[in-house]
Amino acid sequence: MKQGGGVGMTFRQNRWFILLFLLVPINFILGVDRTALTISSPQVQQAIHIDPVLMAELITISTAVYALLQVPAGWFTHRIGVRWALSGACLMWSLATILTSLQTHVSGFFAVRILLGLGQAPDWVACIFALKLLFSQSEREAASSTLLGGLYVGYAVSGVLTAYVLQSFGWRGCFLIYGLVGLVFSAIIFFCYGGPSLEAAPERTPETPAQPRARLAILPTVQIAVFYGGVSGVQSFCHVTFLHFLTSRFPISSFQAGRLFSIPAVSLYGAVLLSGALIKYMKRRETEGRSFPARRARIIGIIWATACMAGAILSPSLWLTLVFSAGATAGVGLCQVLTWSHVQSFPRSTAVVAGCTALVGNWVASIGPVWSEMLFKHQHSWAAVAGMAAVYGLAAAGVWFIPTRLGKGARDGVTTSIAGAEFE
């Protein structure tokens, strides 16, 4: 590797510079691009003459492709490195965004949305992998919350920003502008990322794990993946279904709903930053006999999020719906920070573990909104959709009651570390 001197190379290798000026902005752009079709859905529906169920399928097909490719994306990132994975991903999804502005038929929309999911697939896995390479264990909650903040600022701003761009340039102009911005930033990532890009090969020791221990590593991966699936189910309602819910439940226009759409996104942004700072503070106060109760925090966070989601759906007034939706995304924010800091605690194949977690989460995020729209279409009531919140909560909270302690040490209260992850 070439060693460069000077201020430029120093900044390119600084972990906080990379996080704040490269990783956070690329996820801001991803957040805006991902929600653009949701905000513009009323205009797109009129342009190509489709119903809300088919519109939900168009919105979520990219998430489904994104989900299916998470494990391959983790392996791919592990092989080629963070720099190539991130810049290539941004390039591909930006081209897909530009192509969206040219579509006139449903088939063309499905094609470009599939390309969008293909392009976005390596982004989050590569970013989590970069945090693992750049930051120490004590800094990862703060780094994870900052990275999530960039994504959720994109979600928060997208409601107002996209509504303004739609009014000024139409939905085709909106996608063209967003795509061009992404093309520029893909080049910035490629030329400015100077941090570590590949994981160092582990040293071989006489204590090479035996086959039984390798099998045990499946359980913690399944636990965090199922938990993240429940979290993503709540989040997908707030990010995909919420706009249609507002316009069908209350007498407001699509442009008004687009502005209100930003309220739960702002709550999500605030929650991830506050959660990261609070967890970091609590971990600094840890003692040998009193550690941070991560397992309990995950259970409380997901129960709160799903209860608020049900409250938002069942509330009789608009302002109560907005309060509950903000509460739901606040719970999601806490769970997101806990999820990705836990994933980074795996010392080996972190990108693959992140891929498995994102696979389940995005699979739920892709089918959840479609199920919601189908339930509403057949039941003619949003109350049936509130039952989905109970399913999310039971699955995501219940998985942490599966014991991970083994043998005599477990009975004596000694925690077991499997694949480097901490089990409470």
Foldseek 3Di string as FASTA:
>chain_A
DDDDDDDQLVLLAALVSCLPVFLLQLLLLVLLLLQLCQLCVVVVCVQAVDDPLLSLLLSQLLLLLLLVCLLVLLVVLQPPWLLCLQLQLLLQLLVLLLQCLVDRYSVSSSVSSVSNSVSCNNSVLSVLVSLLQNDDLLCQLQSLLSSVLSNLVSQLVNLVVSLVCCVVPNSSSSSNVSSVVSNVSSVVSNPRNNHDIHDDDDDDDPPDPDPVLVVLVVLVLVLLQLLLQLLLLLVLCLRRVQLVLDVVQDVDDSSVSSNLSSLLSVLLSVLSNVLSVVQSVQQVVDDPVRHDPLLVLSLVLLVQLLVLSLQLQPPNDDVSNSVSSNRNSSSSSNNSSSSSSQLSQQSPSSSSSSSSSSSSNSNSSSCSSSVQVVCCVVVVGSNVSSVVSVVSSCRNSVSLVPDSDDDPCVVVPHWDARSRGGRD
